[in-house]
Amino acid sequence: MSHTLHRCGAAEDLKQDFVVFSMSAKTVNAKGSGETMKRFFELLRNLPAANFGDVKTGSRFNTDWQTIHDRFRDQSVAHYVFSDRHVVAQALRALKDADLGLSVIVSGVFAEIEAICREVGLPVHTVQYSGGVLGRTDRLPPGPVLAITTMCGHGLVSARLVEKLARQVKRGQKEAAAAAAELARPCMCGVFNVERAERLLRELADRRDG
């Protein structure tokens, strides 16, 4: 899933950012997959997630878990976002045991994901890498801002909003957690890691003069 491949930032920071999602194949197992997707969503419900969602319904920051669950249909795509590799291992163990018959994709730093898969006894089937960003990269936002905006793979998080909220955090006008939640709302599919965003906003605020 290419929309989660282009997250920017420092390697150590990205090691605290994982997207686990499930989807069907249109011509193979899509028929009836909506009910199976609900089971996927249920299996990971009690794990500490930074976010979750489905692009057709929304995320935890613009709707609720039950609504997302109830609206899963064939060819929906279910997402959970985690900040802790140990939680990701728990998620993969649960999915391995359930053997739902749907594809499960984990996005993050490959060395971390490979180690987790070895730990839970899962072979890595396919690897997809980001080739980076080419062209007029000088027109992109600065690195610290880009680290936040690229957590929404569909480009719905505004760089100007990130900068505005960082200023508000710097001035004590808004808590970093509330600012991160505000940034998460436009990301409809729920792959925006609000815990990482909160941390990055604090770092961005600390760098600012005012």
N, C-alpha and C. Protein backbone atom coordinates (compact mmCIF):
# COMPACT_ATOMS: atom_id res chain seq x y z
N MET A 1 0.85 -1.20 0.00
CA MET A 1 0.00 0.00 0.00
C MET A 1 0.88 1.24 0.00
N SER A 2 0.92 1.92 -1.14
CA SER A 2 1.90 2.99 -1.31
C SER A 2 1.62 4.23 -0.47
N HIS A 3 0.38 4.42 -0.01
CA HIS A 3 0.09 5.67 0.70
C HIS A 3 0.71 5.71 2.10
N THR A 4 1.26 4.61 2.58
CA THR A 4 1.93 4.62 3.88
C THR A 4 3.45 4.50 3.74
N LEU A 5 3.95 4.51 2.52
CA LEU A 5 5.39 4.26 2.31
C LEU A 5 6.26 5.50 2.43
N HIS A 6 5.68 6.65 2.33
CA HIS A 6 6.50 7.86 2.15
C HIS A 6 6.61 8.72 3.40
N ARG A 7 6.51 8.11 4.56
CA ARG A 7 6.65 8.84 5.81
C ARG A 7 8.11 9.28 5.97
N CYS A 8 8.29 10.55 6.26
CA CYS A 8 9.64 11.12 6.39
C CYS A 8 10.00 11.26 7.87
N GLY A 9 11.30 11.43 8.11
CA GLY A 9 11.75 11.69 9.47
C GLY A 9 13.00 10.93 9.81
N ALA A 10 13.46 11.12 11.04
CA ALA A 10 14.66 10.44 11.52
C ALA A 10 14.38 8.96 11.74
N ALA A 11 15.36 8.13 11.48
CA ALA A 11 15.17 6.67 11.58
C ALA A 11 14.70 6.25 12.96
N GLU A 12 15.30 6.80 14.01
CA GLU A 12 14.92 6.41 15.36
C GLU A 12 13.48 6.79 15.67
N ASP A 13 13.05 7.91 15.14
CA ASP A 13 11.68 8.34 15.35
C ASP A 13 10.71 7.44 14.58
N LEU A 14 11.07 7.07 13.36
CA LEU A 14 10.21 6.22 12.53
C LEU A 14 10.09 4.80 13.09
N LYS A 15 11.01 4.42 13.95
CA LYS A 15 10.92 3.11 14.59
C LYS A 15 9.78 3.04 15.60
N GLN A 16 9.13 4.18 15.83
CA GLN A 16 7.97 4.22 16.73
C GLN A 16 6.70 4.53 15.94
N ASP A 17 6.63 4.00 14.73
CA ASP A 17 5.51 4.32 13.85
C ASP A 17 5.24 3.13 12.93
N PHE A 18 4.14 2.42 13.18
CA PHE A 18 3.78 1.24 12.40
C PHE A 18 2.31 1.33 11.98
N VAL A 19 2.05 0.97 10.74
CA VAL A 19 0.67 0.85 10.27
C VAL A 19 0.42 -0.62 9.94
N VAL A 20 -0.61 -1.19 10.56
CA VAL A 20 -1.01 -2.57 10.29
C VAL A 20 -2.38 -2.52 9.65
N PHE A 21 -2.50 -3.05 8.43
CA PHE A 21 -3.81 -3.00 7.80
C PHE A 21 -4.10 -4.26 7.01
N SER A 22 -5.36 -4.41 6.68
CA SER A 22 -5.82 -5.61 5.98
C SER A 22 -6.71 -5.21 4.82
N MET A 23 -6.62 -5.99 3.76
CA MET A 23 -7.45 -5.73 2.58
C MET A 23 -7.63 -7.01 1.79
N SER A 24 -8.66 -7.01 0.96
CA SER A 24 -8.91 -8.16 0.09
C SER A 24 -8.36 -7.86 -1.30
N ALA A 25 -8.29 -8.91 -2.13
CA ALA A 25 -7.90 -8.75 -3.53
C ALA A 25 -9.17 -8.78 -4.38
N LYS A 26 -9.35 -7.78 -5.21
CA LYS A 26 -10.60 -7.56 -5.93
C LYS A 26 -11.08 -8.81 -6.67
N THR A 27 -10.19 -9.50 -7.35
CA THR A 27 -10.60 -10.64 -8.19
C THR A 27 -10.37 -11.99 -7.51
N VAL A 28 -9.96 -11.98 -6.23
CA VAL A 28 -9.63 -13.24 -5.57
C VAL A 28 -10.54 -13.53 -4.39
N ASN A 29 -10.55 -12.64 -3.39
CA ASN A 29 -11.30 -12.94 -2.17
C ASN A 29 -12.11 -11.75 -1.66
N ALA A 30 -12.48 -10.84 -2.55
CA ALA A 30 -13.22 -9.65 -2.13
C ALA A 30 -14.65 -9.99 -1.70
N LYS A 31 -15.28 -10.93 -2.36
CA LYS A 31 -16.66 -11.25 -2.05
C LYS A 31 -16.78 -11.80 -0.63
N GLY A 32 -17.58 -11.15 0.17
CA GLY A 32 -17.76 -11.56 1.56
C GLY A 32 -16.68 -11.08 2.51
N SER A 33 -15.72 -10.30 2.01
CA SER A 33 -14.59 -9.87 2.85
C SER A 33 -14.98 -8.82 3.88
N GLY A 34 -16.13 -8.16 3.70
CA GLY A 34 -16.54 -7.15 4.67
C GLY A 34 -16.71 -7.73 6.06
N GLU A 35 -17.31 -8.90 6.15
CA GLU A 35 -17.49 -9.54 7.45
C GLU A 35 -16.14 -9.97 8.04
N THR A 36 -15.25 -10.44 7.18
CA THR A 36 -13.91 -10.83 7.65
C THR A 36 -13.14 -9.62 8.14
N MET A 37 -13.33 -8.48 7.46
CA MET A 37 -12.67 -7.25 7.87
C MET A 37 -13.13 -6.81 9.26
N LYS A 38 -14.40 -7.04 9.53
CA LYS A 38 -14.91 -6.73 10.87
C LYS A 38 -14.18 -7.57 11.92
N ARG A 39 -13.92 -8.82 11.59
CA ARG A 39 -13.21 -9.70 12.52
C ARG A 39 -11.79 -9.18 12.74
N PHE A 40 -11.11 -8.76 11.69
CA PHE A 40 -9.78 -8.15 11.82
C PHE A 40 -9.84 -6.96 12.79
N PHE A 41 -10.83 -6.11 12.60
CA PHE A 41 -10.97 -4.91 13.42
C PHE A 41 -11.21 -5.27 14.88
N GLU A 42 -11.98 -6.33 15.10
CA GLU A 42 -12.27 -6.78 16.46
C GLU A 42 -11.04 -7.36 17.15
N LEU A 43 -10.24 -8.11 16.41
CA LEU A 43 -9.08 -8.78 16.99
C LEU A 43 -8.08 -7.81 17.60
N LEU A 44 -7.95 -6.63 16.99
CA LEU A 44 -6.94 -5.67 17.44
C LEU A 44 -7.52 -4.56 18.31
N ARG A 45 -8.80 -4.66 18.61
CA ARG A 45 -9.49 -3.56 19.28
C ARG A 45 -8.88 -3.20 20.63
N ASN A 46 -8.47 -4.17 21.41
CA ASN A 46 -8.01 -3.91 22.77
C ASN A 46 -6.52 -3.59 22.88
N LEU A 47 -5.84 -3.53 21.75
CA LEU A 47 -4.44 -3.14 21.77
C LEU A 47 -4.34 -1.61 21.78
N PRO A 48 -3.31 -1.06 22.43
CA PRO A 48 -3.18 0.40 22.50
C PRO A 48 -2.77 0.99 21.15
N ALA A 49 -3.74 1.53 20.44
CA ALA A 49 -3.50 2.06 19.10
C ALA A 49 -3.46 3.58 19.10
N ALA A 50 -2.58 4.14 18.27
CA ALA A 50 -2.53 5.59 18.11
C ALA A 50 -3.67 6.08 17.22
N ASN A 51 -4.14 5.20 16.33
CA ASN A 51 -5.22 5.57 15.43
C ASN A 51 -5.77 4.30 14.80
N PHE A 52 -6.93 4.42 14.17
CA PHE A 52 -7.50 3.32 13.40
C PHE A 52 -8.53 3.91 12.46
N GLY A 53 -8.93 3.12 11.45
CA GLY A 53 -9.97 3.64 10.56
C GLY A 53 -10.11 2.87 9.27
N ASP A 54 -10.97 3.41 8.43
CA ASP A 54 -11.23 2.93 7.07
C ASP A 54 -11.55 4.16 6.24
N VAL A 55 -10.90 4.30 5.09
CA VAL A 55 -11.02 5.52 4.30
C VAL A 55 -12.47 5.82 3.90
N LYS A 56 -13.30 4.79 3.79
CA LYS A 56 -14.69 5.00 3.38
C LYS A 56 -15.56 5.56 4.51
N THR A 57 -15.08 5.45 5.75
CA THR A 57 -15.88 5.90 6.89
C THR A 57 -15.18 6.97 7.71
N GLY A 58 -13.89 6.78 7.99
CA GLY A 58 -13.15 7.76 8.78
C GLY A 58 -12.24 7.09 9.79
N SER A 59 -11.74 7.89 10.71
CA SER A 59 -10.78 7.43 11.72
C SER A 59 -11.33 7.69 13.12
N ARG A 60 -10.55 7.35 14.12
CA ARG A 60 -10.98 7.57 15.50
C ARG A 60 -11.11 9.05 15.84
N PHE A 61 -10.56 9.92 14.98
CA PHE A 61 -10.59 11.36 15.26
C PHE A 61 -11.72 12.09 14.54
N ASN A 62 -12.49 11.38 13.72
CA ASN A 62 -13.66 12.02 13.13
C ASN A 62 -14.91 11.15 13.17
N THR A 63 -14.80 9.94 13.75
CA THR A 63 -15.96 9.09 14.00
C THR A 63 -15.61 8.18 15.18
N ASP A 64 -16.27 7.04 15.31
CA ASP A 64 -15.98 6.15 16.43
C ASP A 64 -15.76 4.73 15.95
N TRP A 65 -15.17 3.91 16.82
CA TRP A 65 -14.79 2.54 16.47
C TRP A 65 -15.99 1.75 15.96
N GLN A 66 -17.12 1.82 16.66
CA GLN A 66 -18.28 1.00 16.30
C GLN A 66 -18.82 1.37 14.93
N THR A 67 -18.87 2.65 14.62
CA THR A 67 -19.36 3.08 13.31
C THR A 67 -18.46 2.56 12.20
N ILE A 68 -17.16 2.67 12.40
CA ILE A 68 -16.22 2.15 11.40
C ILE A 68 -16.44 0.65 11.22
N HIS A 69 -16.50 -0.08 12.33
CA HIS A 69 -16.68 -1.53 12.30
C HIS A 69 -17.95 -1.91 11.55
N ASP A 70 -19.05 -1.25 11.85
CA ASP A 70 -20.34 -1.63 11.29
C ASP A 70 -20.45 -1.31 9.80
N ARG A 71 -19.64 -0.40 9.32
CA ARG A 71 -19.73 0.01 7.92
C ARG A 71 -18.72 -0.68 7.01
N PHE A 72 -17.97 -1.65 7.53
CA PHE A 72 -17.06 -2.39 6.66
C PHE A 72 -17.85 -3.14 5.60
N ARG A 73 -17.39 -3.03 4.37
CA ARG A 73 -17.99 -3.71 3.24
C ARG A 73 -16.89 -4.45 2.47
N ASP A 74 -17.29 -5.26 1.51
CA ASP A 74 -16.30 -5.91 0.66
C ASP A 74 -15.41 -4.83 0.03
N GLN A 75 -14.12 -5.08 0.03
CA GLN A 75 -13.09 -4.18 -0.51
C GLN A 75 -12.84 -2.96 0.37
N SER A 76 -13.32 -2.96 1.60
CA SER A 76 -12.87 -1.94 2.56
C SER A 76 -11.41 -2.22 2.91
N VAL A 77 -10.76 -1.24 3.49
CA VAL A 77 -9.37 -1.41 3.95
C VAL A 77 -9.31 -0.96 5.41
N ALA A 78 -8.96 -1.86 6.31
CA ALA A 78 -8.93 -1.57 7.75
C ALA A 78 -7.52 -1.22 8.19
N HIS A 79 -7.37 -0.14 8.96
CA HIS A 79 -6.06 0.31 9.42
C HIS A 79 -6.01 0.39 10.94
N TYR A 80 -4.88 0.01 11.49
CA TYR A 80 -4.53 0.33 12.88
C TYR A 80 -3.12 0.92 12.87
N VAL A 81 -2.88 1.90 13.72
CA VAL A 81 -1.56 2.52 13.84
C VAL A 81 -1.04 2.30 15.25
N PHE A 82 0.19 1.82 15.36
CA PHE A 82 0.80 1.55 16.66
C PHE A 82 2.15 2.26 16.76
N SER A 83 2.54 2.59 17.98
CA SER A 83 3.82 3.24 18.23
C SER A 83 4.85 2.32 18.87
N ASP A 84 4.43 1.14 19.27
CA ASP A 84 5.29 0.22 20.03
C ASP A 84 5.44 -1.09 19.27
N ARG A 85 6.66 -1.49 18.97
CA ARG A 85 6.91 -2.71 18.22
C ARG A 85 6.38 -3.95 18.94
N HIS A 86 6.38 -3.92 20.27
CA HIS A 86 5.88 -5.07 21.03
C HIS A 86 4.37 -5.24 20.84
N VAL A 87 3.67 -4.14 20.69
CA VAL A 87 2.23 -4.19 20.41
C VAL A 87 2.00 -4.72 19.00
N VAL A 88 2.85 -4.32 18.06
CA VAL A 88 2.75 -4.84 16.70
C VAL A 88 2.94 -6.36 16.70
N ALA A 89 3.87 -6.84 17.49
CA ALA A 89 4.08 -8.29 17.60
C ALA A 89 2.83 -8.97 18.14
N GLN A 90 2.19 -8.38 19.14
CA GLN A 90 0.94 -8.94 19.67
C GLN A 90 -0.13 -8.98 18.58
N ALA A 91 -0.22 -7.91 17.80
CA ALA A 91 -1.21 -7.84 16.73
C ALA A 91 -0.98 -8.94 15.70
N LEU A 92 0.26 -9.12 15.30
CA LEU A 92 0.56 -10.13 14.28
C LEU A 92 0.35 -11.55 14.80
N ARG A 93 0.64 -11.76 16.08
CA ARG A 93 0.36 -13.09 16.66
C ARG A 93 -1.14 -13.38 16.61
N ALA A 94 -1.94 -12.40 16.98
CA ALA A 94 -3.40 -12.59 16.97
C ALA A 94 -3.90 -12.85 15.56
N LEU A 95 -3.37 -12.13 14.58
CA LEU A 95 -3.81 -12.31 13.20
C LEU A 95 -3.31 -13.64 12.63
N LYS A 96 -2.11 -14.04 13.02
CA LYS A 96 -1.59 -15.35 12.59
C LYS A 96 -2.48 -16.47 13.10
N ASP A 97 -2.85 -16.40 14.36
CA ASP A 97 -3.69 -17.44 14.96
C ASP A 97 -5.09 -17.46 14.33
N ALA A 98 -5.61 -16.28 14.00
CA ALA A 98 -6.96 -16.20 13.43
C ALA A 98 -7.00 -16.68 11.99
N ASP A 99 -5.90 -16.47 11.24
CA ASP A 99 -5.81 -16.95 9.85
C ASP A 99 -7.05 -16.55 9.06
N LEU A 100 -7.27 -15.26 8.92
CA LEU A 100 -8.50 -14.74 8.33
C LEU A 100 -8.60 -14.93 6.82
N GLY A 101 -7.48 -15.17 6.17
CA GLY A 101 -7.51 -15.34 4.72
C GLY A 101 -7.45 -14.05 3.93
N LEU A 102 -7.14 -12.95 4.60
CA LEU A 102 -6.96 -11.66 3.93
C LEU A 102 -5.50 -11.23 4.03
N SER A 103 -5.09 -10.40 3.11
CA SER A 103 -3.73 -9.88 3.15
C SER A 103 -3.56 -8.95 4.35
N VAL A 104 -2.44 -9.07 5.04
CA VAL A 104 -2.08 -8.18 6.14
C VAL A 104 -0.78 -7.49 5.77
N ILE A 105 -0.77 -6.19 5.83
CA ILE A 105 0.41 -5.40 5.46
C ILE A 105 0.87 -4.63 6.68
N VAL A 106 2.18 -4.58 6.89
CA VAL A 106 2.75 -3.77 7.97
C VAL A 106 3.70 -2.76 7.35
N SER A 107 3.48 -1.51 7.64
CA SER A 107 4.30 -0.44 7.10
C SER A 107 5.15 0.17 8.21
N GLY A 108 6.42 0.39 7.92
CA GLY A 108 7.32 0.98 8.90
C GLY A 108 8.76 0.76 8.49
N VAL A 109 9.68 0.94 9.42
CA VAL A 109 11.10 0.69 9.14
C VAL A 109 11.29 -0.81 8.91
N PHE A 110 11.84 -1.16 7.75
CA PHE A 110 11.84 -2.57 7.36
C PHE A 110 12.59 -3.47 8.33
N ALA A 111 13.73 -3.01 8.83
CA ALA A 111 14.51 -3.85 9.75
C ALA A 111 13.69 -4.20 10.99
N GLU A 112 12.88 -3.25 11.47
CA GLU A 112 12.02 -3.50 12.62
C GLU A 112 10.93 -4.51 12.28
N ILE A 113 10.30 -4.32 11.13
CA ILE A 113 9.22 -5.22 10.73
C ILE A 113 9.74 -6.64 10.50
N GLU A 114 10.89 -6.73 9.85
CA GLU A 114 11.48 -8.05 9.60
C GLU A 114 11.77 -8.77 10.93
N ALA A 115 12.30 -8.03 11.90
CA ALA A 115 12.60 -8.62 13.20
C ALA A 115 11.32 -9.08 13.91
N ILE A 116 10.26 -8.28 13.82
CA ILE A 116 8.99 -8.65 14.44
C ILE A 116 8.43 -9.90 13.79
N CYS A 117 8.49 -9.98 12.47
CA CYS A 117 7.98 -11.16 11.77
C CYS A 117 8.74 -12.42 12.17
N ARG A 118 10.05 -12.31 12.31
CA ARG A 118 10.84 -13.46 12.76
C ARG A 118 10.41 -13.87 14.16
N GLU A 119 10.18 -12.87 15.00
CA GLU A 119 9.80 -13.11 16.39
C GLU A 119 8.49 -13.88 16.51
N VAL A 120 7.53 -13.58 15.63
CA VAL A 120 6.22 -14.23 15.71
C VAL A 120 6.09 -15.42 14.76
N GLY A 121 7.15 -15.71 14.02
CA GLY A 121 7.14 -16.88 13.14
C GLY A 121 6.37 -16.68 11.84
N LEU A 122 6.45 -15.48 11.29
CA LEU A 122 5.79 -15.19 10.02
C LEU A 122 6.81 -14.90 8.93
N PRO A 123 6.73 -15.55 7.78
CA PRO A 123 7.63 -15.22 6.68
C PRO A 123 7.20 -13.90 6.04
N VAL A 124 8.17 -13.14 5.58
CA VAL A 124 7.86 -11.90 4.85
C VAL A 124 7.57 -12.27 3.40
N HIS A 125 6.36 -12.00 2.96
CA HIS A 125 5.93 -12.42 1.62
C HIS A 125 6.42 -11.46 0.54
N THR A 126 6.20 -10.18 0.74
CA THR A 126 6.52 -9.17 -0.27
C THR A 126 7.03 -7.92 0.43
N VAL A 127 7.99 -7.25 -0.17
CA VAL A 127 8.54 -6.01 0.38
C VAL A 127 8.39 -4.91 -0.66
N GLN A 128 7.89 -3.78 -0.24
CA GLN A 128 7.78 -2.61 -1.11
C GLN A 128 8.47 -1.44 -0.45
N TYR A 129 9.39 -0.81 -1.18
CA TYR A 129 10.14 0.31 -0.65
C TYR A 129 9.69 1.62 -1.30
N SER A 130 9.84 2.70 -0.55
CA SER A 130 9.66 4.03 -1.13
C SER A 130 10.94 4.43 -1.87
N GLY A 131 10.76 4.94 -3.07
CA GLY A 131 11.91 5.40 -3.85
C GLY A 131 12.30 6.83 -3.55
N GLY A 132 11.64 7.45 -2.57
CA GLY A 132 11.95 8.83 -2.25
C GLY A 132 11.14 9.81 -3.09
N VAL A 133 11.44 11.08 -2.96
CA VAL A 133 10.72 12.13 -3.67
C VAL A 133 11.66 12.79 -4.65
N LEU A 134 11.24 12.88 -5.91
CA LEU A 134 12.07 13.45 -6.97
C LEU A 134 11.47 14.77 -7.45
N GLY A 135 12.28 15.52 -8.19
CA GLY A 135 11.78 16.76 -8.76
C GLY A 135 12.10 17.98 -7.91
N ARG A 136 11.18 18.94 -7.86
CA ARG A 136 11.40 20.22 -7.18
C ARG A 136 11.21 20.05 -5.68
N THR A 137 12.14 19.34 -5.06
CA THR A 137 12.05 19.11 -3.62
C THR A 137 12.22 20.39 -2.81
N ASP A 138 12.76 21.42 -3.45
CA ASP A 138 12.91 22.70 -2.76
C ASP A 138 11.55 23.35 -2.47
N ARG A 139 10.51 22.86 -3.12
CA ARG A 139 9.18 23.41 -2.91
C ARG A 139 8.42 22.69 -1.79
N LEU A 140 9.04 21.66 -1.25
CA LEU A 140 8.43 20.92 -0.14
C LEU A 140 8.58 21.69 1.17
N PRO A 141 7.73 21.42 2.15
CA PRO A 141 7.90 22.02 3.47
C PRO A 141 9.22 21.57 4.10
N PRO A 142 9.73 22.28 5.10
CA PRO A 142 10.95 21.85 5.78
C PRO A 142 10.78 20.47 6.43
N GLY A 143 11.89 19.79 6.63
CA GLY A 143 11.88 18.42 7.13
C GLY A 143 11.00 18.15 8.33
N PRO A 144 11.09 18.94 9.41
CA PRO A 144 10.26 18.67 10.59
C PRO A 144 8.76 18.75 10.30
N VAL A 145 8.37 19.64 9.41
CA VAL A 145 6.96 19.74 9.02
C VAL A 145 6.57 18.56 8.14
N LEU A 146 7.45 18.21 7.21
CA LEU A 146 7.20 17.10 6.31
C LEU A 146 7.05 15.78 7.07
N ALA A 147 7.77 15.65 8.17
CA ALA A 147 7.66 14.43 8.98
C ALA A 147 6.24 14.25 9.51
N ILE A 148 5.54 15.35 9.71
CA ILE A 148 4.15 15.28 10.18
C ILE A 148 3.18 15.12 9.01
N THR A 149 3.33 15.93 7.97
CA THR A 149 2.35 15.90 6.88
C THR A 149 2.37 14.57 6.13
N THR A 150 3.52 13.92 6.03
CA THR A 150 3.59 12.66 5.27
C THR A 150 2.98 11.49 6.02
N MET A 151 2.55 11.69 7.26
CA MET A 151 1.82 10.63 7.94
C MET A 151 0.40 10.48 7.41
N CYS A 152 -0.08 11.45 6.65
CA CYS A 152 -1.32 11.28 5.89
C CYS A 152 -0.93 11.04 4.45
N GLY A 153 -1.01 9.79 4.03
CA GLY A 153 -0.52 9.42 2.71
C GLY A 153 -1.31 9.98 1.55
N HIS A 154 -2.49 10.54 1.84
CA HIS A 154 -3.29 11.15 0.78
C HIS A 154 -3.14 12.67 0.75
N GLY A 155 -2.20 13.19 1.53
CA GLY A 155 -1.86 14.61 1.47
C GLY A 155 -2.93 15.55 1.99
N LEU A 156 -3.69 15.11 3.00
CA LEU A 156 -4.78 15.93 3.50
C LEU A 156 -4.42 16.76 4.74
N VAL A 157 -3.19 16.62 5.20
CA VAL A 157 -2.74 17.41 6.36
C VAL A 157 -1.91 18.58 5.86
N SER A 158 -2.36 19.77 6.13
CA SER A 158 -1.75 20.99 5.60
C SER A 158 -0.46 21.36 6.34
N ALA A 159 0.58 21.67 5.58
CA ALA A 159 1.84 22.13 6.17
C ALA A 159 1.64 23.44 6.92
N ARG A 160 0.80 24.32 6.39
CA ARG A 160 0.55 25.61 7.06
C ARG A 160 -0.18 25.40 8.39
N LEU A 161 -1.06 24.41 8.43
CA LEU A 161 -1.74 24.12 9.69
C LEU A 161 -0.74 23.58 10.71
N VAL A 162 0.18 22.74 10.27
CA VAL A 162 1.23 22.23 11.16
C VAL A 162 2.01 23.40 11.76
N GLU A 163 2.41 24.34 10.92
CA GLU A 163 3.20 25.48 11.38
C GLU A 163 2.38 26.36 12.34
N LYS A 164 1.12 26.56 12.02
CA LYS A 164 0.25 27.36 12.89
C LYS A 164 0.11 26.70 14.27
N LEU A 165 -0.13 25.40 14.27
CA LEU A 165 -0.32 24.71 15.54
C LEU A 165 0.98 24.65 16.34
N ALA A 166 2.11 24.52 15.66
CA ALA A 166 3.40 24.52 16.36
C ALA A 166 3.62 25.86 17.06
N ARG A 167 3.21 26.96 16.40
CA ARG A 167 3.31 28.28 17.03
C ARG A 167 2.41 28.36 18.26
N GLN A 168 1.21 27.82 18.16
CA GLN A 168 0.28 27.85 19.29
C GLN A 168 0.80 27.01 20.46
N VAL A 169 1.41 25.88 20.14
CA VAL A 169 2.02 25.06 21.20
C VAL A 169 3.17 25.82 21.85
N LYS A 170 3.98 26.49 21.03
CA LYS A 170 5.11 27.27 21.54
C LYS A 170 4.64 28.36 22.50
N ARG A 171 3.52 29.01 22.17
CA ARG A 171 3.02 30.14 22.97
C ARG A 171 2.15 29.69 24.14
N GLY A 172 1.94 28.39 24.26
CA GLY A 172 1.10 27.89 25.34
C GLY A 172 -0.39 28.06 25.08
N GLN A 173 -0.75 28.31 23.82
CA GLN A 173 -2.15 28.52 23.48
C GLN A 173 -2.89 27.21 23.24
N LYS A 174 -2.15 26.15 23.01
CA LYS A 174 -2.77 24.85 22.75
C LYS A 174 -1.83 23.76 23.23
N GLU A 175 -2.39 22.71 23.83
CA GLU A 175 -1.59 21.56 24.23
C GLU A 175 -1.20 20.76 23.00
N ALA A 176 -0.01 20.17 23.04
CA ALA A 176 0.49 19.41 21.89
C ALA A 176 -0.44 18.26 21.53
N ALA A 177 -1.03 17.60 22.52
CA ALA A 177 -1.93 16.48 22.26
C ALA A 177 -3.17 16.95 21.50
N ALA A 178 -3.72 18.09 21.89
CA ALA A 178 -4.90 18.64 21.20
C ALA A 178 -4.54 19.06 19.78
N ALA A 179 -3.37 19.63 19.61
CA ALA A 179 -2.92 20.04 18.28
C ALA A 179 -2.73 18.82 17.37
N ALA A 180 -2.17 17.76 17.91
CA ALA A 180 -1.98 16.53 17.13
C ALA A 180 -3.31 15.93 16.72
N ALA A 181 -4.29 15.95 17.63
CA ALA A 181 -5.63 15.43 17.31
C ALA A 181 -6.28 16.25 16.21
N GLU A 182 -6.07 17.57 16.24
CA GLU A 182 -6.63 18.42 15.18
C GLU A 182 -6.03 18.08 13.82
N LEU A 183 -4.74 17.79 13.80
CA LEU A 183 -4.08 17.41 12.56
C LEU A 183 -4.56 16.05 12.06
N ALA A 184 -4.95 15.17 12.97
CA ALA A 184 -5.37 13.82 12.59
C ALA A 184 -6.73 13.80 11.93
N ARG A 185 -7.58 14.77 12.21
CA ARG A 185 -8.97 14.71 11.72
C ARG A 185 -9.10 14.67 10.20
N PRO A 186 -8.32 15.43 9.44
CA PRO A 186 -8.49 15.38 7.98
C PRO A 186 -8.05 14.05 7.36
N CYS A 187 -7.23 13.27 8.07
CA CYS A 187 -6.72 12.00 7.52
C CYS A 187 -7.81 10.95 7.66
N MET A 188 -8.61 10.78 6.63
CA MET A 188 -9.82 9.96 6.71
C MET A 188 -9.54 8.48 6.91
N CYS A 189 -8.45 7.97 6.36
CA CYS A 189 -8.26 6.51 6.43
C CYS A 189 -7.66 6.07 7.76
N GLY A 190 -7.19 7.00 8.57
CA GLY A 190 -6.76 6.66 9.93
C GLY A 190 -5.34 6.16 10.05
N VAL A 191 -4.45 6.54 9.13
CA VAL A 191 -3.06 6.09 9.23
C VAL A 191 -2.15 7.15 9.87
N PHE A 192 -2.72 8.27 10.28
CA PHE A 192 -1.95 9.35 10.91
C PHE A 192 -1.66 8.96 12.36
N ASN A 193 -0.38 8.92 12.70
CA ASN A 193 0.04 8.52 14.04
C ASN A 193 0.04 9.75 14.96
N VAL A 194 -1.03 9.89 15.73
CA VAL A 194 -1.21 11.09 16.55
C VAL A 194 -0.18 11.16 17.68
N GLU A 195 0.30 10.02 18.17
CA GLU A 195 1.31 10.02 19.23
C GLU A 195 2.64 10.55 18.70
N ARG A 196 3.00 10.12 17.51
CA ARG A 196 4.22 10.64 16.89
C ARG A 196 4.06 12.13 16.56
N ALA A 197 2.89 12.51 16.08
CA ALA A 197 2.63 13.92 15.76
C ALA A 197 2.77 14.81 16.99
N GLU A 198 2.27 14.35 18.11
CA GLU A 198 2.39 15.13 19.35
C GLU A 198 3.86 15.35 19.70
N ARG A 199 4.65 14.30 19.60
CA ARG A 199 6.08 14.40 19.91
C ARG A 199 6.78 15.35 18.92
N LEU A 200 6.46 15.22 17.64
CA LEU A 200 7.10 16.06 16.63
C LEU A 200 6.68 17.52 16.76
N LEU A 201 5.43 17.76 17.14
CA LEU A 201 4.98 19.14 17.34
C LEU A 201 5.74 19.82 18.47
N ARG A 202 5.98 19.07 19.54
CA ARG A 202 6.75 19.64 20.66
C ARG A 202 8.16 19.99 20.19
N GLU A 203 8.77 19.10 19.41
CA GLU A 203 10.13 19.35 18.91
C GLU A 203 10.12 20.57 17.98
N LEU A 204 9.11 20.64 17.13
CA LEU A 204 9.02 21.77 16.21
C LEU A 204 8.80 23.07 16.95
N ALA A 205 7.98 23.04 17.99
CA ALA A 205 7.73 24.24 18.80
C ALA A 205 9.00 24.69 19.50
N ASP A 206 9.78 23.74 19.99
CA ASP A 206 11.01 24.07 20.70
C ASP A 206 12.03 24.77 19.80
N ARG A 207 11.95 24.50 18.50
CA ARG A 207 12.91 25.11 17.56
C ARG A 207 12.52 26.53 17.18
N ARG A 208 11.28 26.89 17.44
CA ARG A 208 10.77 28.19 17.00
C ARG A 208 11.12 29.31 17.97
N ASP A 209 11.25 30.52 17.41
CA ASP A 209 11.54 31.68 18.23
C ASP A 209 10.29 32.20 18.93
N GLY A 210 9.16 32.00 18.32
CA GLY A 210 7.91 32.48 18.91
C GLY A 210 6.78 32.48 17.91
